[in-house]
Amino acid sequence: METKEYLYSRIQEIEDWEKDQKGLWFWEKIGRLPFKVLDKLTPAFIQEKIGVLVSEIGNYIQTGGKYLINEQAMIKKIQSSTKYEPIESIEDIRNIPLEDMIILSENLQKERVKFATLQGATTGIGGIFTLAIDIPLILGTALKTLQEIAIIHGYDPNDKQERVFIVKCLQFASADIVGKESILNELSALHQNKQSSENMLSQLKGWQEVFFTYRDQFGWKKLLQMVPIAGIIFGAFANKGMIQDIAETGTMLYRKRRIYEKLQDIKSDSI
């Protein structure tokens, strides 16, 4: 079992990362275009495709829908990467060393970023027409990545409350400074057992909140992806950045949860 000192040092790393998230990078500020302008530039059928995300995210939270992954394959992958035994369920994964979780998360992030980059480049070939294909694909990649990160840290994405947390991670990755601060406060209350995941669900305020923050992340990047051929570069850049941010967010927020629970276990064992 890890020591309290080690776990607190990891908490400090995450809190430093959280502080860094409260400022927007210069290009991100530019990327948040006035969306009345963006709506005028975006053809109706693309807007319609983006609009489908509202119901799809809602369906994901309620049932998992087509986005739920096969956790058994992930369990086998984790088993082959750690010396901890036996691992027969997601619950068993909670007990593997934190260092193994960190390595698994880093490797997963590299894999998913590479995949998203290739996906963005491929769907950027046809410009505006293949962008309609890319939008649902990038959402699927994002949700799949976050579910895999959840399992790596011993949390079950089949649980509805866990899917709420996953959507919170999705929101955080694309939120502005105020939004990030709000989500961190909600999650901090969760760590301190001051609110339940059910309360977090009510704070989503409908799926449109998620939709608009997710669409913000597209910004000028997706607009430039509409240009045929040039869209290859912009598509690869946009998807790489989006999945990198989402994977990093999921990793840090899930790691923080797991560390707090490990600290709680140490406290319970000492009583």
Protein backbone atom coordinates (compact mmCIF):
# COMPACT_ATOMS: atom_id res chain seq x y z
CA MET A 1 0.00 0.00 0.00
CA GLU A 2 1.26 3.50 -0.85
CA THR A 3 2.22 5.82 2.00
CA LYS A 4 0.20 8.91 2.91
CA GLU A 5 3.19 11.08 2.02
CA TYR A 6 3.38 9.59 -1.48
CA LEU A 7 -0.36 9.97 -2.07
CA TYR A 8 -0.38 13.58 -0.85
CA SER A 9 2.53 14.39 -3.17
CA ARG A 10 0.44 13.10 -6.07
CA ILE A 11 -2.53 15.17 -4.89
CA GLN A 12 -0.30 18.25 -4.97
CA GLU A 13 0.64 17.51 -8.60
CA ILE A 14 -3.05 17.32 -9.53
CA GLU A 15 -3.87 20.56 -7.68
CA ASP A 16 -1.03 22.31 -9.54
CA TRP A 17 -2.53 21.04 -12.79
CA GLU A 18 -5.97 22.33 -11.74
CA LYS A 19 -4.53 25.80 -11.15
CA ASP A 20 -3.03 25.77 -14.64
CA GLN A 21 -6.45 24.93 -16.10
CA LYS A 22 -7.99 28.15 -14.79
CA GLY A 23 -6.37 30.20 -17.53
CA LEU A 24 -7.15 29.90 -21.24
CA TRP A 25 -4.37 29.62 -23.74
CA PHE A 26 -4.25 32.58 -26.15
CA TRP A 27 -5.38 30.55 -29.14
CA GLU A 28 -8.26 29.07 -27.14
CA LYS A 29 -9.51 32.60 -26.48
CA ILE A 30 -9.41 33.31 -30.19
CA GLY A 31 -11.08 29.98 -30.86
CA ARG A 32 -14.17 30.97 -28.89
CA LEU A 33 -15.76 32.84 -31.77
CA PRO A 34 -19.11 34.60 -31.44
CA PHE A 35 -21.29 31.65 -32.33
CA LYS A 36 -23.92 33.76 -34.05
CA VAL A 37 -21.19 34.32 -36.64
CA LEU A 38 -20.17 30.67 -36.60
CA ASP A 39 -23.79 29.58 -37.08
CA LYS A 40 -24.07 31.77 -40.18
CA LEU A 41 -20.91 30.26 -41.63
CA THR A 42 -21.86 26.67 -40.81
CA PRO A 43 -24.23 24.94 -43.27
CA ALA A 44 -27.56 23.70 -41.91
CA PHE A 45 -26.81 19.99 -42.29
CA ILE A 46 -23.60 20.35 -40.25
CA GLN A 47 -25.49 22.23 -37.52
CA GLU A 48 -28.08 19.45 -37.55
CA LYS A 49 -25.34 16.83 -37.13
CA ILE A 50 -23.85 18.73 -34.19
CA GLY A 51 -27.34 19.05 -32.70
CA VAL A 52 -27.65 15.26 -32.58
CA LEU A 53 -24.98 15.32 -29.86
CA VAL A 54 -27.53 16.71 -27.42
CA SER A 55 -29.72 13.62 -27.46
CA GLU A 56 -26.75 11.27 -27.80
CA ILE A 57 -25.09 12.59 -24.64
CA GLY A 58 -28.45 12.40 -22.87
CA ASN A 59 -28.91 8.80 -24.00
CA TYR A 60 -25.36 7.97 -22.93
CA ILE A 61 -25.98 9.17 -19.37
CA GLN A 62 -29.30 7.34 -19.12
CA THR A 63 -28.41 3.99 -20.70
CA GLY A 64 -24.86 4.11 -22.07
CA GLY A 65 -26.38 3.51 -25.51
CA LYS A 66 -24.02 2.64 -28.32
CA TYR A 67 -21.07 4.23 -26.51
CA LEU A 68 -20.68 1.68 -23.70
CA ILE A 69 -17.45 -0.31 -24.07
CA ASN A 70 -16.58 -3.93 -23.33
CA GLU A 71 -15.01 -3.72 -19.89
CA GLN A 72 -13.72 -7.32 -20.00
CA ALA A 73 -11.25 -6.48 -22.76
CA MET A 74 -10.00 -3.54 -20.70
CA ILE A 75 -9.68 -5.70 -17.58
CA LYS A 76 -7.50 -8.19 -19.50
CA LYS A 77 -5.33 -5.36 -20.79
CA ILE A 78 -4.84 -4.02 -17.26
CA GLN A 79 -4.10 -7.51 -15.91
CA SER A 80 -1.29 -7.93 -18.43
CA SER A 81 0.25 -4.60 -17.37
CA THR A 82 0.38 -5.02 -13.60
CA LYS A 83 1.83 -7.58 -11.19
CA TYR A 84 -1.19 -7.27 -8.92
CA GLU A 85 -3.32 -10.43 -8.92
CA PRO A 86 -5.97 -11.54 -9.33
CA ILE A 87 -7.91 -9.03 -11.43
CA GLU A 88 -11.26 -10.51 -12.35
CA SER A 89 -13.48 -7.45 -12.07
CA ILE A 90 -13.37 -3.65 -12.11
CA GLU A 91 -13.58 -3.71 -8.32
CA ASP A 92 -10.26 -5.62 -8.19
CA ILE A 93 -8.57 -2.85 -10.20
CA ARG A 94 -9.07 -0.42 -7.31
CA ASN A 95 -6.32 -2.23 -5.42
CA ILE A 96 -3.55 -2.04 -8.01
CA PRO A 97 -0.69 0.39 -7.22
CA LEU A 98 -1.28 4.02 -8.17
CA GLU A 99 1.93 3.98 -10.19
CA ASP A 100 0.47 1.26 -12.42
CA MET A 101 -2.65 3.39 -12.94
CA ILE A 102 -0.45 6.33 -13.94
CA ILE A 103 1.51 4.29 -16.49
CA LEU A 104 -1.67 2.74 -17.93
CA SER A 105 -3.29 6.18 -18.25
CA GLU A 106 -0.26 7.69 -19.98
CA ASN A 107 -0.07 4.83 -22.47
CA LEU A 108 -3.80 5.04 -23.17
CA GLN A 109 -3.58 8.78 -23.76
CA LYS A 110 -0.81 8.31 -26.31
CA GLU A 111 -2.83 5.62 -28.13
CA ARG A 112 -6.03 7.65 -28.24
CA VAL A 113 -4.30 10.90 -29.30
CA LYS A 114 -2.57 9.05 -32.14
CA PHE A 115 -5.89 7.52 -33.21
CA ALA A 116 -7.72 10.88 -33.04
CA THR A 117 -4.99 12.61 -35.07
CA LEU A 118 -5.29 10.03 -37.84
CA GLN A 119 -9.07 10.18 -37.67
CA GLY A 120 -9.09 13.99 -37.96
CA ALA A 121 -6.70 13.92 -40.91
CA THR A 122 -8.75 11.25 -42.69
CA THR A 123 -12.09 13.01 -42.24
CA GLY A 124 -10.47 16.33 -43.17
CA ILE A 125 -9.78 15.16 -46.72
CA GLY A 126 -13.27 15.99 -47.97
CA GLY A 127 -13.62 19.26 -46.08
CA ILE A 128 -17.18 20.20 -45.17
CA PHE A 129 -18.71 16.92 -46.35
CA THR A 130 -16.55 14.55 -44.28
CA LEU A 131 -16.78 16.91 -41.28
CA ALA A 132 -20.30 15.54 -40.82
CA ILE A 133 -18.71 12.12 -40.27
CA ASP A 134 -15.99 13.43 -37.96
CA ILE A 135 -18.30 15.10 -35.42
CA PRO A 136 -20.00 11.94 -34.06
CA LEU A 137 -16.72 10.00 -34.37
CA ILE A 138 -14.85 12.44 -32.13
CA LEU A 139 -17.63 12.27 -29.53
CA GLY A 140 -17.44 8.48 -29.57
CA THR A 141 -13.66 8.58 -29.19
CA ALA A 142 -13.95 11.03 -26.28
CA LEU A 143 -16.50 8.91 -24.39
CA LYS A 144 -14.60 5.70 -25.08
CA THR A 145 -11.37 7.25 -23.79
CA LEU A 146 -13.00 8.51 -20.60
CA GLN A 147 -14.63 5.14 -19.94
CA GLU A 148 -11.29 3.38 -20.33
CA ILE A 149 -9.69 5.87 -17.93
CA ALA A 150 -12.52 5.21 -15.46
CA ILE A 151 -11.85 1.45 -15.58
CA ILE A 152 -8.09 1.98 -15.18
CA HIS A 153 -8.86 3.70 -11.86
CA GLY A 154 -11.35 1.05 -10.75
CA TYR A 155 -14.64 2.76 -11.61
CA ASP A 156 -17.45 1.12 -13.57
CA PRO A 157 -18.81 3.17 -16.53
CA ASN A 158 -21.84 0.85 -16.59
CA ASP A 159 -22.97 2.72 -13.48
CA LYS A 160 -25.21 5.67 -14.39
CA GLN A 161 -23.66 7.89 -11.72
CA GLU A 162 -20.24 7.15 -13.19
CA ARG A 163 -21.45 8.24 -16.60
CA VAL A 164 -22.50 11.56 -15.05
CA PHE A 165 -18.90 11.99 -13.84
CA ILE A 166 -17.62 11.14 -17.31
CA VAL A 167 -19.80 13.86 -18.86
CA LYS A 168 -18.49 16.26 -16.20
CA CYS A 169 -14.97 15.44 -17.43
CA LEU A 170 -16.13 16.12 -20.99
CA GLN A 171 -17.56 19.46 -19.87
CA PHE A 172 -14.43 20.42 -17.97
CA ALA A 173 -12.16 19.83 -20.95
CA SER A 174 -14.09 22.33 -23.07
CA ALA A 175 -15.28 24.80 -20.41
CA ASP A 176 -14.11 28.38 -19.90
CA ILE A 177 -12.44 29.61 -16.69
CA VAL A 178 -15.75 30.07 -14.83
CA GLY A 179 -17.00 26.66 -15.97
CA LYS A 180 -13.81 24.88 -14.90
CA GLU A 181 -13.93 26.55 -11.49
CA SER A 182 -17.56 25.50 -11.01
CA ILE A 183 -16.90 21.86 -11.96
CA LEU A 184 -13.83 21.66 -9.70
CA ASN A 185 -15.92 22.97 -6.80
CA GLU A 186 -18.57 20.33 -7.47
CA LEU A 187 -15.99 17.55 -7.61
CA SER A 188 -14.27 18.85 -4.47
CA ALA A 189 -17.59 18.59 -2.62
CA LEU A 190 -17.91 15.04 -3.94
CA HIS A 191 -14.47 14.12 -2.54
CA GLN A 192 -15.51 15.51 0.84
CA ASN A 193 -18.79 13.56 0.73
CA LYS A 194 -20.80 16.80 0.79
CA GLN A 195 -22.81 15.91 -2.29
CA SER A 196 -23.75 12.83 -4.22
CA SER A 197 -23.41 12.00 -7.89
CA GLU A 198 -27.19 12.34 -8.07
CA ASN A 199 -26.85 16.02 -7.16
CA MET A 200 -24.22 16.37 -9.88
CA LEU A 201 -26.75 15.02 -12.36
CA SER A 202 -29.21 17.77 -11.49
CA GLN A 203 -26.46 20.35 -11.92
CA LEU A 204 -26.01 19.45 -15.58
CA LYS A 205 -29.09 21.64 -16.16
CA GLY A 206 -30.13 19.71 -19.21
CA TRP A 207 -28.03 18.28 -22.00
CA GLN A 208 -27.81 21.62 -23.82
CA GLU A 209 -25.24 22.88 -21.32
CA VAL A 210 -22.99 20.00 -22.30
CA PHE A 211 -23.75 20.54 -25.97
CA PHE A 212 -22.79 24.22 -26.01
CA THR A 213 -19.53 23.74 -24.11
CA TYR A 214 -18.66 20.83 -26.41
CA ARG A 215 -19.45 22.88 -29.50
CA ASP A 216 -17.27 25.71 -28.18
CA GLN A 217 -14.34 23.32 -28.36
CA PHE A 218 -14.87 23.01 -32.13
CA GLY A 219 -14.55 26.79 -32.69
CA TRP A 220 -12.42 27.96 -35.57
CA LYS A 221 -10.58 24.64 -35.67
CA LYS A 222 -13.58 22.79 -37.05
CA LEU A 223 -14.48 25.76 -39.23
CA LEU A 224 -11.08 25.57 -40.93
CA GLN A 225 -11.49 21.83 -41.29
CA MET A 226 -14.26 22.54 -43.79
CA VAL A 227 -11.69 23.48 -46.41
CA PRO A 228 -10.97 20.44 -48.64
CA ILE A 229 -7.40 19.05 -48.46
CA ALA A 230 -6.32 21.80 -46.02
CA GLY A 231 -8.81 20.17 -43.68
CA ILE A 232 -6.36 17.26 -43.33
CA ILE A 233 -3.98 19.47 -41.34
CA PHE A 234 -6.67 21.31 -39.39
CA GLY A 235 -8.62 18.11 -38.74
CA ALA A 236 -5.57 16.32 -37.37
CA PHE A 237 -4.65 19.33 -35.22
CA ALA A 238 -8.20 19.80 -33.88
CA ASN A 239 -8.86 16.17 -32.99
CA LYS A 240 -5.43 15.68 -31.48
CA GLY A 241 -5.90 18.70 -29.21
CA MET A 242 -9.43 17.75 -28.19
CA ILE A 243 -8.65 14.15 -27.23
CA GLN A 244 -5.40 15.15 -25.55
CA ASP A 245 -7.29 17.64 -23.36
CA ILE A 246 -10.09 15.17 -22.63
CA ALA A 247 -7.71 12.30 -21.78
CA GLU A 248 -5.61 14.52 -19.54
CA THR A 249 -8.71 15.84 -17.77
CA GLY A 250 -10.16 12.38 -17.22
CA THR A 251 -6.83 11.05 -15.96
CA MET A 252 -6.31 13.85 -13.44
CA LEU A 253 -9.87 13.92 -12.09
CA TYR A 254 -10.13 10.14 -11.80
CA ARG A 255 -6.67 9.91 -10.25
CA LYS A 256 -7.68 12.46 -7.64
CA ARG A 257 -10.76 10.40 -6.74
CA ARG A 258 -8.77 7.21 -6.44
CA ILE A 259 -6.08 8.86 -4.27
CA TYR A 260 -8.70 10.22 -1.87
CA GLU A 261 -10.20 6.77 -1.57
CA LYS A 262 -6.79 5.19 -0.96
CA LEU A 263 -6.17 7.79 1.77
CA GLN A 264 -9.52 6.92 3.28
CA ASP A 265 -8.54 3.24 3.29
CA ILE A 266 -5.29 4.07 5.11
CA LYS A 267 -7.24 6.08 7.66
CA SER A 268 -9.71 3.23 8.20
CA ASP A 269 -6.91 0.67 8.61
CA SER A 270 -5.21 2.80 11.26
CA ILE A 271 -8.33 3.03 13.44
